[in-house]
Amino acid sequence: MPNYKDPSVFNQRINDGNFDTIHLPGQITPFSGIYKCVNCGFEVVSESGKPFPPQFSCANHSHRWPNQYGQVRWRLVAAAIHILNNA
């Protein structure tokens, strides 16, 4: 779970289905932000337009041995909001 100090800098999006969508390793990231593996809890940062990290991106899902967690499946936890011209 992401940690933060100042809750006023976050917006809660209860009805935003983008936080419910499950993504596979290697798919193109739709939104920059923090993603969590729904099976093991490992978190990564992934940028919009770039592929999600591969299956063996954490020790829980190493390609060298079977694991108890199942396949890597990424879900958005915290979306980055890019603000232009905020001078």
N, C-alpha and C. Protein backbone atom coordinates (compact mmCIF):
# COMPACT_ATOMS: atom_id res chain seq x y z
N MET A 1 0.85 -1.17 0.00
CA MET A 1 0.00 0.00 0.00
C MET A 1 0.89 1.23 0.00
N PRO A 2 0.62 2.19 -0.87
CA PRO A 2 1.44 3.40 -0.87
C PRO A 2 1.32 4.14 0.45
N ASN A 3 2.39 4.75 0.85
CA ASN A 3 2.39 5.59 2.05
C ASN A 3 2.35 7.05 1.63
N TYR A 4 1.77 7.89 2.45
CA TYR A 4 1.76 9.32 2.18
C TYR A 4 1.67 10.07 3.48
N LYS A 5 2.09 11.31 3.45
CA LYS A 5 2.07 12.13 4.65
C LYS A 5 0.86 13.07 4.68
N ASP A 6 0.59 13.70 3.56
CA ASP A 6 -0.44 14.74 3.49
C ASP A 6 -1.64 14.23 2.70
N PRO A 7 -2.73 13.84 3.36
CA PRO A 7 -3.89 13.31 2.64
C PRO A 7 -4.58 14.34 1.75
N SER A 8 -4.29 15.60 1.92
CA SER A 8 -4.95 16.63 1.10
C SER A 8 -4.44 16.61 -0.34
N VAL A 9 -3.34 15.90 -0.62
CA VAL A 9 -2.82 15.87 -1.99
C VAL A 9 -3.37 14.69 -2.79
N PHE A 10 -4.27 13.90 -2.19
CA PHE A 10 -4.86 12.76 -2.88
C PHE A 10 -6.36 12.97 -3.05
N ASN A 11 -6.88 12.52 -4.19
CA ASN A 11 -8.32 12.54 -4.46
C ASN A 11 -8.82 11.10 -4.48
N GLN A 12 -9.90 10.83 -3.76
CA GLN A 12 -10.46 9.49 -3.78
C GLN A 12 -11.43 9.37 -4.95
N ARG A 13 -11.29 8.31 -5.72
CA ARG A 13 -12.14 8.06 -6.89
C ARG A 13 -12.91 6.75 -6.70
N ILE A 14 -13.96 6.80 -5.92
CA ILE A 14 -14.72 5.61 -5.56
C ILE A 14 -15.34 4.94 -6.78
N ASN A 15 -15.86 5.70 -7.71
CA ASN A 15 -16.58 5.13 -8.85
C ASN A 15 -15.75 5.06 -10.12
N ASP A 16 -14.44 5.13 -10.03
CA ASP A 16 -13.58 5.09 -11.21
C ASP A 16 -13.19 3.65 -11.51
N GLY A 17 -13.75 3.10 -12.56
CA GLY A 17 -13.50 1.72 -12.94
C GLY A 17 -12.07 1.44 -13.36
N ASN A 18 -11.28 2.47 -13.64
CA ASN A 18 -9.89 2.27 -14.00
C ASN A 18 -9.10 1.63 -12.87
N PHE A 19 -9.57 1.78 -11.63
CA PHE A 19 -8.90 1.18 -10.49
C PHE A 19 -9.31 -0.28 -10.29
N ASP A 20 -10.27 -0.76 -11.06
CA ASP A 20 -10.74 -2.14 -10.96
C ASP A 20 -10.18 -3.03 -12.07
N THR A 21 -9.67 -2.44 -13.12
CA THR A 21 -9.19 -3.19 -14.27
C THR A 21 -7.91 -3.95 -13.93
N ILE A 22 -7.85 -5.20 -14.34
CA ILE A 22 -6.68 -6.05 -14.12
C ILE A 22 -5.87 -6.07 -15.42
N HIS A 23 -4.55 -5.90 -15.28
CA HIS A 23 -3.64 -5.85 -16.43
C HIS A 23 -2.62 -6.98 -16.35
N LEU A 24 -2.22 -7.47 -17.50
CA LEU A 24 -1.25 -8.55 -17.58
C LEU A 24 0.17 -7.99 -17.77
N PRO A 25 1.18 -8.73 -17.34
CA PRO A 25 2.56 -8.31 -17.59
C PRO A 25 2.78 -8.10 -19.09
N GLY A 26 3.49 -7.04 -19.43
CA GLY A 26 3.80 -6.76 -20.82
C GLY A 26 2.76 -5.94 -21.55
N GLN A 27 1.53 -5.85 -21.02
CA GLN A 27 0.53 -4.99 -21.65
C GLN A 27 0.98 -3.54 -21.51
N ILE A 28 0.45 -2.68 -22.35
CA ILE A 28 0.80 -1.26 -22.29
C ILE A 28 0.04 -0.61 -21.14
N THR A 29 0.76 0.14 -20.33
CA THR A 29 0.19 0.83 -19.17
C THR A 29 -0.72 1.97 -19.62
N PRO A 30 -1.99 1.98 -19.20
CA PRO A 30 -2.90 3.04 -19.62
C PRO A 30 -2.71 4.35 -18.85
N PHE A 31 -2.32 4.28 -17.58
CA PHE A 31 -2.16 5.47 -16.75
C PHE A 31 -0.89 5.34 -15.93
N SER A 32 -0.10 6.39 -15.86
CA SER A 32 1.09 6.37 -15.00
C SER A 32 0.64 6.29 -13.55
N GLY A 33 1.36 5.49 -12.76
CA GLY A 33 1.01 5.40 -11.36
C GLY A 33 1.60 4.18 -10.68
N ILE A 34 1.08 3.89 -9.50
CA ILE A 34 1.51 2.74 -8.73
C ILE A 34 0.51 1.62 -8.98
N TYR A 35 1.04 0.45 -9.31
CA TYR A 35 0.23 -0.74 -9.55
C TYR A 35 0.63 -1.82 -8.56
N LYS A 36 -0.34 -2.61 -8.14
CA LYS A 36 -0.09 -3.68 -7.17
C LYS A 36 -0.48 -5.01 -7.81
N CYS A 37 0.34 -6.03 -7.57
CA CYS A 37 -0.04 -7.37 -8.00
C CYS A 37 -1.17 -7.84 -7.11
N VAL A 38 -2.27 -8.22 -7.71
CA VAL A 38 -3.44 -8.63 -6.93
C VAL A 38 -3.23 -9.98 -6.25
N ASN A 39 -2.21 -10.72 -6.65
CA ASN A 39 -1.98 -12.04 -6.07
C ASN A 39 -0.94 -12.05 -4.95
N CYS A 40 0.05 -11.16 -4.98
CA CYS A 40 1.09 -11.21 -3.95
C CYS A 40 1.25 -9.88 -3.20
N GLY A 41 0.71 -8.78 -3.75
CA GLY A 41 0.82 -7.49 -3.08
C GLY A 41 2.03 -6.66 -3.45
N PHE A 42 2.93 -7.20 -4.29
CA PHE A 42 4.11 -6.45 -4.72
C PHE A 42 3.67 -5.23 -5.53
N GLU A 43 4.31 -4.08 -5.29
CA GLU A 43 3.94 -2.84 -5.97
C GLU A 43 5.05 -2.38 -6.90
N VAL A 44 4.64 -1.76 -8.01
CA VAL A 44 5.58 -1.19 -8.98
C VAL A 44 5.05 0.14 -9.45
N VAL A 45 5.93 0.95 -10.00
CA VAL A 45 5.54 2.17 -10.70
C VAL A 45 5.64 1.87 -12.18
N SER A 46 4.61 2.21 -12.92
CA SER A 46 4.62 1.99 -14.35
C SER A 46 4.14 3.25 -15.05
N GLU A 47 4.80 3.59 -16.17
CA GLU A 47 4.48 4.82 -16.91
C GLU A 47 3.51 4.54 -18.04
N SER A 48 2.63 5.49 -18.27
CA SER A 48 1.68 5.41 -19.36
C SER A 48 2.42 5.22 -20.69
N GLY A 49 1.91 4.28 -21.50
CA GLY A 49 2.50 4.04 -22.81
C GLY A 49 3.65 3.05 -22.81
N LYS A 50 4.10 2.64 -21.64
CA LYS A 50 5.19 1.66 -21.54
C LYS A 50 4.61 0.33 -21.03
N PRO A 51 5.30 -0.79 -21.32
CA PRO A 51 4.77 -2.08 -20.86
C PRO A 51 4.83 -2.25 -19.35
N PHE A 52 3.86 -2.98 -18.82
CA PHE A 52 3.92 -3.36 -17.41
C PHE A 52 5.13 -4.27 -17.20
N PRO A 53 5.66 -4.29 -15.98
CA PRO A 53 6.80 -5.17 -15.70
C PRO A 53 6.46 -6.63 -16.00
N PRO A 54 7.49 -7.41 -16.32
CA PRO A 54 7.27 -8.82 -16.67
C PRO A 54 6.91 -9.67 -15.47
N GLN A 55 6.54 -10.90 -15.75
CA GLN A 55 6.13 -11.86 -14.74
C GLN A 55 7.16 -12.00 -13.62
N PHE A 56 8.45 -11.99 -13.94
CA PHE A 56 9.50 -12.24 -12.95
C PHE A 56 10.06 -10.95 -12.38
N SER A 57 9.24 -9.92 -12.24
CA SER A 57 9.72 -8.62 -11.76
C SER A 57 9.93 -8.58 -10.25
N CYS A 58 9.47 -9.57 -9.53
CA CYS A 58 9.72 -9.62 -8.09
C CYS A 58 10.03 -11.05 -7.67
N ALA A 59 10.64 -11.19 -6.52
CA ALA A 59 11.04 -12.51 -6.03
C ALA A 59 9.84 -13.44 -5.85
N ASN A 60 8.69 -12.88 -5.55
CA ASN A 60 7.50 -13.71 -5.37
C ASN A 60 7.09 -14.42 -6.66
N HIS A 61 7.51 -13.87 -7.79
CA HIS A 61 7.12 -14.41 -9.09
C HIS A 61 8.35 -14.72 -9.93
N SER A 62 9.39 -15.16 -9.33
CA SER A 62 10.62 -15.47 -10.06
C SER A 62 10.37 -16.56 -11.10
N HIS A 63 10.99 -16.42 -12.24
CA HIS A 63 10.88 -17.44 -13.28
C HIS A 63 11.72 -18.66 -12.94
N ARG A 64 12.49 -18.62 -11.87
CA ARG A 64 13.38 -19.72 -11.51
C ARG A 64 12.71 -20.78 -10.64
N TRP A 65 11.58 -20.48 -10.02
CA TRP A 65 10.93 -21.47 -9.17
C TRP A 65 9.43 -21.21 -9.12
N PRO A 66 8.65 -22.25 -8.87
CA PRO A 66 7.20 -22.08 -8.72
C PRO A 66 6.91 -21.25 -7.47
N ASN A 67 5.81 -20.59 -7.45
CA ASN A 67 5.46 -19.78 -6.28
C ASN A 67 4.03 -20.05 -5.85
N GLN A 68 3.72 -19.59 -4.66
CA GLN A 68 2.40 -19.83 -4.09
C GLN A 68 1.37 -18.77 -4.47
N TYR A 69 1.79 -17.75 -5.19
CA TYR A 69 0.91 -16.60 -5.40
C TYR A 69 0.09 -16.64 -6.68
N GLY A 70 0.42 -17.48 -7.61
CA GLY A 70 -0.28 -17.45 -8.89
C GLY A 70 0.40 -16.47 -9.83
N GLN A 71 -0.27 -16.14 -10.89
CA GLN A 71 0.29 -15.28 -11.93
C GLN A 71 0.27 -13.80 -11.51
N VAL A 72 1.21 -13.03 -12.07
CA VAL A 72 1.22 -11.59 -11.83
C VAL A 72 0.05 -10.96 -12.57
N ARG A 73 -0.71 -10.16 -11.85
CA ARG A 73 -1.83 -9.40 -12.41
C ARG A 73 -1.79 -8.03 -11.75
N TRP A 74 -1.65 -6.98 -12.53
CA TRP A 74 -1.49 -5.63 -12.01
C TRP A 74 -2.82 -4.89 -11.93
N ARG A 75 -3.03 -4.15 -10.83
CA ARG A 75 -4.21 -3.28 -10.66
C ARG A 75 -3.73 -1.92 -10.17
N LEU A 76 -4.30 -0.86 -10.73
CA LEU A 76 -3.95 0.51 -10.36
C LEU A 76 -4.32 0.80 -8.91
N VAL A 77 -3.36 1.34 -8.16
CA VAL A 77 -3.58 1.69 -6.76
C VAL A 77 -3.60 3.21 -6.59
N ALA A 78 -2.69 3.90 -7.26
CA ALA A 78 -2.60 5.36 -7.17
C ALA A 78 -2.18 5.90 -8.53
N ALA A 79 -3.04 6.70 -9.14
CA ALA A 79 -2.76 7.26 -10.47
C ALA A 79 -2.01 8.58 -10.32
N ALA A 80 -1.02 8.76 -11.18
CA ALA A 80 -0.30 10.04 -11.22
C ALA A 80 -1.10 11.01 -12.07
N ILE A 81 -1.21 12.23 -11.60
CA ILE A 81 -1.91 13.27 -12.35
C ILE A 81 -0.87 14.28 -12.80
N HIS A 82 -0.74 14.41 -14.12
CA HIS A 82 0.25 15.32 -14.67
C HIS A 82 -0.40 16.67 -14.94
N ILE A 83 0.13 17.70 -14.33
CA ILE A 83 -0.41 19.05 -14.49
C ILE A 83 0.59 19.86 -15.31
N LEU A 84 0.13 20.39 -16.42
CA LEU A 84 0.98 21.21 -17.27
C LEU A 84 0.76 22.68 -16.94
N ASN A 85 1.77 23.47 -17.13
CA ASN A 85 1.70 24.92 -16.92
C ASN A 85 1.25 25.28 -15.51
N ASN A 86 1.84 24.65 -14.52
CA ASN A 86 1.45 24.93 -13.14
C ASN A 86 2.40 25.95 -12.47
N ALA A 87 2.96 26.82 -13.28
CA ALA A 87 3.88 27.83 -12.74
C ALA A 87 3.17 28.91 -11.99
